[in-house]
Amino acid sequence: MRKALPIMFQGTHSDAGKSILATAFCRIFARKGWKTAPFKSQNMSLNSYVTVDGKEIGRAQGVQAEAAGVLATTHMNPILIKPSRDQEAQIVVHGKPYGNMKASDYRSEFFHTGLQLIQQSLDMLMKQYDRLVIEGAGSPAEVNLNDRELVNMRVARMANAPVVLVGDIERGGVFASLVGTLQLLEEQDRHRVIGVIINKFRGDLSLLQPGLRWFEQYTGVPVLGVVPYVPMRIDAEDSVTLSRYTTKKDDEKAIDVAVIQYPRMSNFTDIDPFFAEPDCSVRFVTDASLLGEPDILILPGSKNTIEDVRFLKEIGLFSHIRRLYERSDVTIIGVCGGYQMLGQCIKDPFHVETPLDDIDGLSLLPIETTLSCEKTTVLCEGTLVYKNEMFYVKGYEIHMGRSIVKQGDPLILLKGKTDGCKTKDERIIGTYMHDIFHNDAFRHYLLNDVRGKKQLSPLMERPHYRQLRARAFDELADCVEKHVDVNAIEQKMIAFQGGE
């Protein structure tokens, strides 16, 4: 029976670069001809990915599967945790909602169930693939949580996987964090660490060499590579990365794209294609004073639409958005939860999101939304009609609830149904389709339409985003192969399993 060779990447903290390195190794192994799968036992993220069978997993594992050239399955991320409010999250098991749980209840009640799910998925993947690239979460040195953790060293033991520890030098104190993490590991786990990778390095590598030599002498653990800081067109996993984004407009760019950032914003990767456009300045709005008069205003998805509407009202953005539509020529686009916010009201009769029954929306679209206990997760495709033009679009839906269009035209014609809504002047549109802006023809037309309003000539050459993302996998793999001792890692993988 074939058994995959596993490798696991763990970090000294969140956002150290585990997901990116796991993605790189998925691509590297696939290019070597190995059938490769990603695996993350438990993922906490509001950015989701829908599999071909309509199941929901963490965005990172879906992207890693793409990098490996295989179809994503729920075995690659059997447990997904989606925070919905303070101290509470929706638990998604094999792509379907399991229930809402508080953190303490999850640790006490779900631990053994989680262990069984993880072992079953590991067994399945180990049988079906040649290489298994496993990603941890947070830090393996969280001593207060390690008795019941389900995602770091316990998983490495279950898979008998060697571990590469990743440190982020951009944050400072990388040697302290690496050494401290190693020292806090149990002895059996410390011996499992085959080396470290220092990530996001900028500057002259020769200046770092004394530190690398000291680290190896002090710990006895080899430095397997130093990966330079390079911008990557790879989907972000969670909101930790939002700190890198700006709230300021780039005055040298012709089109100002503003994105409303609420506390429970989800699937914000929808707006990634705008970062690749040469004439777009993309900024996040967290306060009414930052709104200004953008050309395009996007209300992204939300894990708790009602509480995020309440947040917009509390900070004054709610009324500012309404006034913006009245006094400017802005185009407002709502996606999923953002689409629901644009409507007249959001009802929650089953208290899916809040103890309250309902809340008034922005009343910019003639729709009413009722939240339900059943979640829709499906890939979708259809024809989007905008400004008398028709565009083939594809994406995915993840939402709990249904919106009824009381009047007006739908935005997208799907197979057997319609999706979304738009005003007569088509300055406000809403849809449940995530990845809507990943569709090049529609995005190009939308941006050139904005340019026309500003009496600017259209840009005839714009990026094709899906091609850019596919190329980014190879660029990432090339970079990691250049700066990391991949052969040494592969030899350790073989040694851990006693040879192939």
Protein backbone atom coordinates (compact mmCIF):
# COMPACT_ATOMS: atom_id res chain seq x y z
CA MET A 1 0.00 0.00 0.00
CA ARG A 2 1.39 3.39 -1.00
CA LYS A 3 2.03 5.81 1.84
CA ALA A 4 2.71 9.48 1.30
CA LEU A 5 5.87 11.11 2.60
CA PRO A 6 4.79 14.02 4.85
CA ILE A 7 6.47 17.32 5.71
CA MET A 8 5.04 19.84 8.15
CA PHE A 9 5.55 23.60 8.37
CA GLN A 10 5.02 25.25 11.74
CA GLY A 11 5.62 28.87 12.68
CA THR A 12 6.82 30.87 15.63
CA HIS A 13 3.57 32.84 15.41
CA SER A 14 0.63 33.51 13.11
CA ASP A 15 1.46 34.95 9.69
CA ALA A 16 5.07 33.75 9.83
CA GLY A 17 4.71 32.43 6.29
CA LYS A 18 3.57 28.83 6.82
CA SER A 19 0.81 29.01 4.22
CA ILE A 20 3.07 30.51 1.57
CA LEU A 21 5.83 27.96 2.13
CA ALA A 22 3.31 25.10 2.13
CA THR A 23 1.95 26.43 -1.16
CA ALA A 24 5.47 26.60 -2.58
CA PHE A 25 6.24 22.99 -1.62
CA CYS A 26 2.95 21.81 -3.08
CA ARG A 27 4.06 23.30 -6.38
CA ILE A 28 7.66 22.09 -6.05
CA PHE A 29 6.67 18.49 -5.40
CA ALA A 30 4.03 18.56 -8.15
CA ARG A 31 6.62 19.82 -10.64
CA LYS A 32 8.85 16.89 -9.62
CA GLY A 33 6.07 14.53 -10.65
CA TRP A 34 4.80 13.61 -7.17
CA LYS A 35 1.06 13.49 -6.60
CA THR A 36 0.82 16.01 -3.77
CA ALA A 37 -1.87 17.10 -1.34
CA PRO A 38 -1.99 19.89 1.27
CA PHE A 39 -3.32 19.27 4.76
CA LYS A 40 -4.32 21.47 7.66
CA SER A 41 -6.19 19.63 10.36
CA GLN A 42 -7.89 22.68 11.84
CA ASN A 43 -8.04 26.08 10.19
CA MET A 44 -9.37 29.27 11.74
CA SER A 45 -10.23 31.61 8.91
CA LEU A 46 -13.03 33.73 7.48
CA ASN A 47 -11.68 33.26 3.96
CA SER A 48 -13.23 30.12 2.53
CA TYR A 49 -12.89 27.95 -0.55
CA VAL A 50 -15.64 25.85 -2.10
CA THR A 51 -14.76 22.39 -3.39
CA VAL A 52 -16.23 20.93 -6.57
CA ASP A 53 -18.80 19.01 -4.52
CA GLY A 54 -20.02 22.18 -2.81
CA LYS A 55 -18.17 21.85 0.51
CA GLU A 56 -16.39 24.62 2.42
CA ILE A 57 -12.73 24.50 3.49
CA GLY A 58 -10.09 27.07 4.39
CA ARG A 59 -8.99 29.27 1.52
CA ALA A 60 -5.32 28.39 1.98
CA GLN A 61 -5.83 24.66 1.47
CA GLY A 62 -7.93 25.26 -1.65
CA VAL A 63 -5.19 27.44 -3.10
CA GLN A 64 -2.50 24.92 -2.11
CA ALA A 65 -4.45 22.20 -3.91
CA GLU A 66 -4.49 24.41 -7.00
CA ALA A 67 -0.72 24.84 -6.69
CA ALA A 68 -0.37 21.06 -6.50
CA GLY A 69 -2.61 20.61 -9.53
CA VAL A 70 -5.18 18.49 -7.69
CA LEU A 71 -8.83 18.99 -6.78
CA ALA A 72 -9.42 20.22 -3.26
CA THR A 73 -11.35 17.95 -0.89
CA THR A 74 -12.53 18.37 2.67
CA HIS A 75 -9.94 15.81 3.82
CA MET A 76 -7.36 18.55 3.18
CA ASN A 77 -9.02 20.66 5.88
CA PRO A 78 -11.52 18.56 7.85
CA ILE A 79 -12.14 21.19 10.54
CA LEU A 80 -12.73 24.87 9.75
CA ILE A 81 -13.39 27.39 12.51
CA LYS A 82 -15.13 30.60 11.46
CA PRO A 83 -15.32 33.23 14.23
CA SER A 84 -18.80 34.75 14.28
CA ARG A 85 -18.75 36.85 17.46
CA ASP A 86 -16.54 37.34 20.52
CA GLN A 87 -15.56 33.98 22.07
CA GLU A 88 -17.81 32.08 19.65
CA ALA A 89 -17.31 30.49 16.24
CA GLN A 90 -19.07 28.32 13.72
CA ILE A 91 -17.44 24.90 13.49
CA VAL A 92 -17.42 23.47 9.96
CA VAL A 93 -16.72 19.73 9.71
CA HIS A 94 -15.94 18.25 6.31
CA GLY A 95 -17.36 21.30 4.62
CA LYS A 96 -20.70 21.51 6.45
CA PRO A 97 -21.73 23.45 9.59
CA TYR A 98 -21.39 21.33 12.73
CA GLY A 99 -22.57 23.99 15.17
CA ASN A 100 -21.63 27.20 16.97
CA MET A 101 -19.36 26.76 19.96
CA LYS A 102 -17.51 28.86 22.49
CA ALA A 103 -13.73 28.35 22.68
CA SER A 104 -13.91 26.65 26.09
CA ASP A 105 -16.66 24.28 24.93
CA TYR A 106 -14.73 23.46 21.78
CA ARG A 107 -11.69 22.40 23.83
CA SER A 108 -13.70 20.39 26.33
CA GLU A 109 -16.38 18.83 24.12
CA PHE A 110 -14.94 18.60 20.61
CA PHE A 111 -11.35 17.48 21.23
CA HIS A 112 -11.80 13.70 20.87
CA THR A 113 -14.19 14.08 17.95
CA GLY A 114 -11.63 16.31 16.28
CA LEU A 115 -8.84 13.78 16.83
CA GLN A 116 -10.87 11.07 15.09
CA LEU A 117 -11.71 13.33 12.16
CA ILE A 118 -8.07 14.33 11.73
CA GLN A 119 -6.78 10.77 11.87
CA GLN A 120 -9.35 9.61 9.31
CA SER A 121 -8.43 12.40 6.89
CA LEU A 122 -4.70 11.79 7.37
CA ASP A 123 -5.15 8.09 6.67
CA MET A 124 -7.14 8.84 3.53
CA LEU A 125 -4.61 11.31 2.14
CA MET A 126 -1.61 9.16 3.03
CA LYS A 127 -3.09 6.34 0.94
CA GLN A 128 -3.96 8.47 -2.08
CA TYR A 129 -0.92 10.72 -2.49
CA ASP A 130 2.87 10.56 -2.78
CA ARG A 131 3.64 13.71 -0.81
CA LEU A 132 1.67 15.41 1.96
CA VAL A 133 2.42 19.05 2.80
CA ILE A 134 1.05 19.76 6.28
CA GLU A 135 0.56 23.24 7.71
CA GLY A 136 0.34 24.08 11.39
CA ALA A 137 -1.36 27.07 12.97
CA GLY A 138 -0.18 29.83 15.27
CA SER A 139 2.73 28.51 17.33
CA PRO A 140 3.54 25.03 18.67
CA ALA A 141 4.86 26.71 21.84
CA GLU A 142 1.46 27.82 23.19
CA VAL A 143 2.03 25.99 26.47
CA ASN A 144 -1.40 26.98 27.80
CA LEU A 145 -3.14 25.20 24.91
CA ASN A 146 -0.89 22.25 24.10
CA ASP A 147 -2.73 19.71 26.24
CA ARG A 148 -5.60 19.77 23.75
CA GLU A 149 -4.19 21.28 20.57
CA LEU A 150 -5.28 19.74 17.28
CA VAL A 151 -3.10 21.40 14.70
CA ASN A 152 0.65 21.43 15.51
CA MET A 153 2.90 18.83 17.14
CA ARG A 154 0.10 16.41 17.89
CA VAL A 155 -0.63 16.25 14.16
CA ALA A 156 3.09 15.90 13.37
CA ARG A 157 3.19 12.86 15.67
CA MET A 158 0.04 11.40 14.11
CA ALA A 159 1.57 11.68 10.63
CA ASN A 160 5.13 10.94 11.79
CA ALA A 161 6.13 14.06 9.90
CA PRO A 162 9.39 15.96 10.17
CA VAL A 163 8.83 19.62 11.01
CA VAL A 164 10.32 22.78 9.53
CA LEU A 165 9.98 25.79 11.85
CA VAL A 166 9.34 29.12 10.11
CA GLY A 167 10.31 32.51 11.54
CA ASP A 168 9.39 35.96 10.20
CA ILE A 169 12.41 38.27 10.32
CA GLU A 170 10.34 41.28 9.22
CA ARG A 171 8.76 41.49 12.67
CA GLY A 172 12.13 41.57 14.44
CA GLY A 173 13.51 39.23 17.07
CA VAL A 174 13.55 36.24 14.75
CA PHE A 175 16.38 34.43 16.55
CA ALA A 176 14.74 34.94 19.93
CA SER A 177 11.42 33.62 18.62
CA LEU A 178 13.03 30.59 16.96
CA VAL A 179 15.19 29.72 19.97
CA GLY A 180 12.35 30.34 22.40
CA THR A 181 9.98 28.15 20.42
CA LEU A 182 12.49 25.29 20.29
CA GLN A 183 13.16 25.52 24.02
CA LEU A 184 9.47 25.41 24.89
CA LEU A 185 8.85 22.25 22.86
CA GLU A 186 8.75 18.87 24.55
CA GLU A 187 11.93 16.87 23.91
CA GLN A 188 10.26 14.39 21.56
CA ASP A 189 8.88 17.26 19.50
CA ARG A 190 12.12 19.23 19.49
CA HIS A 191 13.87 16.24 17.89
CA ARG A 192 11.21 16.25 15.19
CA VAL A 193 12.30 19.71 13.98
CA ILE A 194 14.70 19.11 11.08
CA GLY A 195 15.53 22.76 10.52
CA VAL A 196 14.27 26.32 10.31
CA ILE A 197 13.48 28.73 7.50
CA ILE A 198 13.77 32.47 7.99
CA ASN A 199 11.13 34.24 5.95
CA LYS A 200 10.58 37.76 4.55
CA PHE A 201 14.24 38.84 4.61
CA ARG A 202 15.20 42.21 3.16
CA GLY A 203 18.74 43.46 2.67
CA ASP A 204 22.27 42.06 2.55
CA LEU A 205 22.37 38.36 3.42
CA SER A 206 26.05 38.59 4.42
CA LEU A 207 25.01 40.73 7.40
CA LEU A 208 22.74 37.93 8.58
CA GLN A 209 25.34 35.16 8.28
CA PRO A 210 26.88 35.63 11.77
CA GLY A 211 23.42 35.21 13.27
CA LEU A 212 22.77 32.08 11.21
CA ARG A 213 26.07 30.51 12.35
CA TRP A 214 25.33 31.40 15.98
CA PHE A 215 21.85 29.91 15.76
CA GLU A 216 23.09 26.60 14.35
CA GLN A 217 25.86 26.34 16.96
CA TYR A 218 23.56 27.28 19.84
CA THR A 219 20.62 25.03 18.93
CA GLY A 220 22.18 22.32 16.78
CA VAL A 221 19.32 22.89 14.33
CA PRO A 222 20.26 23.76 10.73
CA VAL A 223 19.03 26.82 8.88
CA LEU A 224 17.50 25.35 5.73
CA GLY A 225 17.04 28.67 3.98
CA VAL A 226 16.47 32.39 4.08
CA VAL A 227 13.58 33.42 1.85
CA PRO A 228 13.62 37.04 0.67
CA TYR A 229 10.63 39.32 0.99
CA VAL A 230 8.87 39.32 -2.36
CA PRO A 231 5.29 40.42 -3.15
CA MET A 232 3.18 37.35 -3.84
CA ARG A 233 -0.11 37.12 -5.73
CA ILE A 234 -1.29 34.27 -3.50
CA ASP A 235 -4.62 34.48 -1.67
CA ALA A 236 -4.35 35.56 1.95
CA GLU A 237 -5.68 33.16 4.57
CA ASP A 238 -7.03 35.48 7.24
CA SER A 239 -7.40 39.04 8.44
CA VAL A 240 -3.94 39.13 10.04
CA THR A 241 -2.63 40.17 6.62
CA LEU A 242 -4.93 43.21 6.49
CA SER A 243 -2.40 45.19 8.50
CA ARG A 244 -0.31 45.36 5.33
CA TYR A 245 -3.02 47.12 3.38
CA THR A 246 -3.39 50.87 3.30
CA THR A 247 -6.19 53.23 4.22
CA LYS A 248 -4.75 56.01 2.04
CA LYS A 249 -5.53 56.80 -1.56
CA ASP A 250 -2.72 56.72 -4.11
CA ASP A 251 -3.24 60.00 -5.97
CA GLU A 252 -1.16 58.77 -8.90
CA LYS A 253 -3.78 56.11 -9.70
CA ALA A 254 -6.82 57.15 -11.71
CA ILE A 255 -9.42 54.96 -9.97
CA ASP A 256 -10.07 55.04 -6.24
CA VAL A 257 -11.41 51.69 -4.97
CA ALA A 258 -12.54 51.81 -1.33
CA VAL A 259 -13.39 48.66 0.63
CA ILE A 260 -15.44 48.85 3.82
CA GLN A 261 -13.60 46.90 6.52
CA TYR A 262 -15.89 45.70 9.28
CA PRO A 263 -14.83 43.51 12.21
CA ARG A 264 -16.20 40.25 10.79
CA MET A 265 -15.27 40.82 7.16
CA SER A 266 -14.88 37.52 5.30
CA ASN A 267 -13.60 36.39 1.91
CA PHE A 268 -11.89 39.74 1.34
CA THR A 269 -9.78 37.97 -1.31
CA ASP A 270 -12.64 38.97 -3.64
CA ILE A 271 -10.92 42.33 -4.09
CA ASP A 272 -7.44 40.94 -4.86
CA PRO A 273 -7.71 41.45 -8.65
CA PHE A 274 -7.90 45.23 -8.18
CA PHE A 275 -4.39 45.21 -6.71
CA ALA A 276 -3.10 43.92 -10.05
CA GLU A 277 -4.76 46.71 -12.05
CA PRO A 278 -2.30 49.48 -13.01
CA ASP A 279 -4.79 52.34 -12.54
CA CYS A 280 -6.44 51.22 -9.28
CA SER A 281 -5.70 52.52 -5.81
CA VAL A 282 -7.20 50.08 -3.29
CA ARG A 283 -7.76 51.23 0.27
CA PHE A 284 -9.65 49.96 3.30
CA VAL A 285 -12.12 52.16 5.14
CA THR A 286 -12.52 51.66 8.88
CA ASP A 287 -13.93 55.06 9.85
CA ALA A 288 -16.37 57.57 8.39
CA SER A 289 -13.62 60.17 8.12
CA LEU A 290 -11.73 57.90 5.71
CA LEU A 291 -14.59 57.32 3.28
CA GLY A 292 -14.11 60.35 1.01
CA GLU A 293 -15.62 60.07 -2.47
CA PRO A 294 -14.27 56.90 -4.09
CA ASP A 295 -15.06 55.86 -7.63
CA ILE A 296 -15.95 52.33 -6.53
CA LEU A 297 -17.11 51.36 -3.05
CA ILE A 298 -17.13 47.66 -2.16
CA LEU A 299 -18.97 46.08 0.75
CA PRO A 300 -17.37 42.62 1.07
CA GLY A 301 -18.65 39.49 2.78
CA SER A 302 -19.31 39.20 6.50
CA LYS A 303 -19.48 36.27 8.91
CA ASN A 304 -22.01 38.18 11.02
CA THR A 305 -23.89 40.62 8.80
CA ILE A 306 -26.20 41.97 11.51
CA GLU A 307 -23.41 42.80 13.94
CA ASP A 308 -21.34 44.37 11.16
CA VAL A 309 -24.32 46.56 10.16
CA ARG A 310 -24.58 47.58 13.79
CA PHE A 311 -20.86 48.43 13.70
CA LEU A 312 -21.37 50.64 10.61
CA LYS A 313 -24.14 52.49 12.39
CA GLU A 314 -22.12 52.99 15.56
CA ILE A 315 -19.12 54.53 13.80
CA GLY A 316 -21.16 56.67 11.39
CA LEU A 317 -20.26 54.85 8.17
CA PHE A 318 -23.84 53.69 7.65
CA SER A 319 -25.21 57.20 7.09
CA HIS A 320 -22.08 58.30 5.21
CA ILE A 321 -22.52 55.48 2.66
CA ARG A 322 -26.10 56.54 2.02
CA ARG A 323 -25.09 60.19 1.56
CA LEU A 324 -22.20 59.19 -0.68
CA TYR A 325 -24.61 57.62 -3.15
CA GLU A 326 -26.79 60.74 -3.16
CA ARG A 327 -24.03 63.32 -3.68
CA SER A 328 -21.47 61.56 -5.91
CA ASP A 329 -21.21 59.34 -8.97
CA VAL A 330 -19.86 56.38 -6.99
CA THR A 331 -20.51 52.77 -8.01
CA ILE A 332 -21.40 50.70 -4.94
CA ILE A 333 -20.99 46.93 -5.06
CA GLY A 334 -22.00 44.50 -2.32
CA VAL A 335 -20.86 40.89 -2.26
CA CYS A 336 -22.61 38.25 -0.13
CA GLY A 337 -22.94 39.86 3.33
CA GLY A 338 -22.28 43.23 1.70
CA TYR A 339 -25.15 42.52 -0.70
CA GLN A 340 -27.44 41.79 2.24
CA MET A 341 -26.41 45.07 3.91
CA LEU A 342 -27.45 47.06 0.83
CA GLY A 343 -31.03 45.82 1.19
CA GLN A 344 -33.95 47.09 3.22
CA CYS A 345 -33.71 44.72 6.16
CA ILE A 346 -32.04 41.56 7.44
CA LYS A 347 -34.24 39.21 9.44
CA ASP A 348 -32.88 36.55 11.80
CA PRO A 349 -35.91 34.61 13.05
CA PHE A 350 -33.80 31.61 14.11
CA HIS A 351 -31.13 33.76 15.81
CA VAL A 352 -28.41 32.46 13.52
CA GLU A 353 -26.23 35.53 14.10
CA THR A 354 -27.69 37.47 17.01
CA PRO A 355 -30.32 37.36 19.77
CA LEU A 356 -32.09 40.18 17.90
CA ASP A 357 -34.67 39.33 15.23
CA ASP A 358 -33.73 41.79 12.51
CA ILE A 359 -32.00 45.04 11.59
CA ASP A 360 -32.58 47.70 8.93
CA GLY A 361 -30.18 47.72 6.01
CA LEU A 362 -28.93 50.61 3.90
CA SER A 363 -32.11 50.46 1.76
CA LEU A 364 -30.09 51.07 -1.41
CA LEU A 365 -31.37 47.89 -3.05
CA PRO A 366 -35.00 46.65 -3.02
CA ILE A 367 -34.28 43.34 -1.29
CA GLU A 368 -35.17 41.68 2.00
CA THR A 369 -32.93 39.00 3.52
CA THR A 370 -33.94 36.24 5.91
CA LEU A 371 -31.13 34.29 7.55
CA SER A 372 -31.57 30.54 7.86
CA CYS A 373 -29.88 27.65 9.64
CA GLU A 374 -28.84 25.97 6.39
CA LYS A 375 -25.72 27.18 4.62
CA THR A 376 -25.46 27.46 0.84
CA THR A 377 -22.05 26.40 -0.47
CA VAL A 378 -21.88 25.94 -4.22
CA LEU A 379 -19.78 26.71 -7.26
CA CYS A 380 -21.73 28.79 -9.74
CA GLU A 381 -21.54 30.27 -13.22
CA GLY A 382 -23.82 32.33 -15.40
CA THR A 383 -24.35 35.48 -17.40
CA LEU A 384 -23.95 38.89 -15.76
CA VAL A 385 -25.83 41.74 -17.40
CA TYR A 386 -24.35 45.20 -16.82
CA LYS A 387 -24.80 48.40 -18.84
CA ASN A 388 -26.43 46.46 -21.69
CA GLU A 389 -23.40 44.17 -21.92
CA MET A 390 -23.35 40.47 -21.12
CA PHE A 391 -20.44 38.72 -19.38
CA TYR A 392 -19.85 35.07 -18.61
CA VAL A 393 -18.88 34.87 -14.94
CA LYS A 394 -18.05 32.08 -12.51
CA GLY A 395 -17.42 32.00 -8.78
CA TYR A 396 -18.86 30.46 -5.66
CA GLU A 397 -21.51 31.11 -3.01
CA ILE A 398 -21.14 30.74 0.78
CA HIS A 399 -24.01 32.20 2.78
CA MET A 400 -26.71 31.46 5.31
CA GLY A 401 -29.92 33.08 4.20
CA ARG A 402 -31.98 34.07 1.20
CA SER A 403 -32.58 37.49 -0.31
CA ILE A 404 -35.85 38.25 -2.06
CA VAL A 405 -35.77 40.91 -4.77
CA LYS A 406 -38.96 42.94 -4.37
CA GLN A 407 -38.59 44.81 -7.66
CA GLY A 408 -36.01 45.51 -10.34
CA ASP A 409 -33.76 43.29 -12.43
CA PRO A 410 -31.45 40.50 -11.32
CA LEU A 411 -27.74 40.94 -11.88
CA ILE A 412 -26.72 37.41 -12.90
CA LEU A 413 -28.67 34.75 -14.78
CA LEU A 414 -27.64 31.34 -13.43
CA LYS A 415 -28.76 27.89 -14.46
CA GLY A 416 -32.31 27.58 -13.20
CA LYS A 417 -32.25 30.72 -11.06
CA THR A 418 -31.09 34.30 -10.80
CA ASP A 419 -28.68 36.03 -8.45
CA GLY A 420 -28.24 39.55 -7.20
CA CYS A 421 -29.93 42.84 -7.87
CA LYS A 422 -29.15 46.26 -9.33
CA THR A 423 -30.67 49.70 -9.38
CA LYS A 424 -32.06 51.20 -12.60
CA ASP A 425 -29.02 53.44 -12.98
CA GLU A 426 -26.79 50.40 -12.24
CA ARG A 427 -24.71 52.43 -9.84
CA ILE A 428 -25.53 49.94 -7.09
CA ILE A 429 -25.22 46.23 -7.65
CA GLY A 430 -25.24 43.27 -5.30
CA THR A 431 -24.50 39.57 -5.66
CA TYR A 432 -23.93 36.41 -3.65
CA MET A 433 -21.19 35.36 -6.09
CA HIS A 434 -17.72 35.49 -4.58
CA ASP A 435 -14.79 35.88 -7.01
CA ILE A 436 -17.00 38.14 -9.11
CA PHE A 437 -14.05 40.48 -9.79
CA HIS A 438 -11.80 37.56 -10.77
CA ASN A 439 -13.75 37.51 -14.03
CA ASP A 440 -11.54 39.62 -16.27
CA ALA A 441 -14.02 40.77 -18.91
CA PHE A 442 -16.47 42.14 -16.35
CA ARG A 443 -13.77 43.75 -14.20
CA HIS A 444 -12.12 45.37 -17.24
CA TYR A 445 -15.44 46.77 -18.43
CA LEU A 446 -16.32 48.04 -14.94
CA LEU A 447 -13.01 49.90 -14.60
CA ASN A 448 -13.09 51.37 -18.09
CA ASP A 449 -16.67 52.49 -17.48
CA VAL A 450 -15.41 54.40 -14.43
CA ARG A 451 -12.65 55.91 -16.56
CA GLY A 452 -15.29 57.04 -19.04
CA LYS A 453 -17.21 58.82 -16.29
CA LYS A 454 -14.01 60.67 -15.44
CA GLN A 455 -13.45 61.53 -19.11
CA LEU A 456 -10.39 59.28 -19.30
CA SER A 457 -9.67 57.03 -22.24
CA PRO A 458 -10.06 53.28 -21.57
CA LEU A 459 -7.11 51.01 -20.90
CA MET A 460 -7.03 48.43 -23.67
CA GLU A 461 -4.44 46.18 -21.98
CA ARG A 462 -5.33 44.95 -18.54
CA PRO A 463 -4.10 41.92 -16.57
CA HIS A 464 -5.79 38.54 -16.76
CA TYR A 465 -5.95 37.69 -13.09
CA ARG A 466 -6.38 33.93 -13.15
CA GLN A 467 -3.35 33.65 -15.44
CA LEU A 468 -1.38 35.89 -13.09
CA ARG A 469 -2.25 33.69 -10.13
CA ALA A 470 -1.26 30.50 -11.95
CA ARG A 471 2.05 32.11 -12.90
CA ALA A 472 2.51 33.20 -9.29
CA PHE A 473 2.65 29.56 -8.16
CA ASP A 474 5.67 28.92 -10.37
CA GLU A 475 7.32 32.21 -9.35
CA LEU A 476 6.86 31.26 -5.70
CA ALA A 477 8.23 27.75 -6.25
CA ASP A 478 11.22 29.15 -8.17
CA CYS A 479 12.00 31.57 -5.34
CA VAL A 480 11.82 28.92 -2.62
CA GLU A 481 13.87 26.41 -4.61
CA LYS A 482 16.55 29.06 -5.05
CA HIS A 483 16.77 30.01 -1.38
CA VAL A 484 15.85 26.81 0.50
CA ASP A 485 17.69 23.46 0.61
CA VAL A 486 14.81 21.43 -0.80
CA ASN A 487 16.98 18.34 -1.29
CA ALA A 488 17.91 18.28 2.40
CA ILE A 489 14.23 18.46 3.33
CA GLU A 490 13.35 15.60 0.97
CA GLN A 491 16.14 13.44 2.40
CA LYS A 492 14.82 14.03 5.92
CA MET A 493 11.29 13.14 4.76
CA ILE A 494 12.58 9.82 3.46
CA ALA A 495 14.67 9.18 6.57
CA PHE A 496 11.68 9.75 8.88
CA GLN A 497 9.76 7.01 7.11
CA GLY A 498 12.72 4.64 7.10
CA GLY A 499 13.37 5.04 3.36
CA GLU A 500 11.01 4.63 0.43
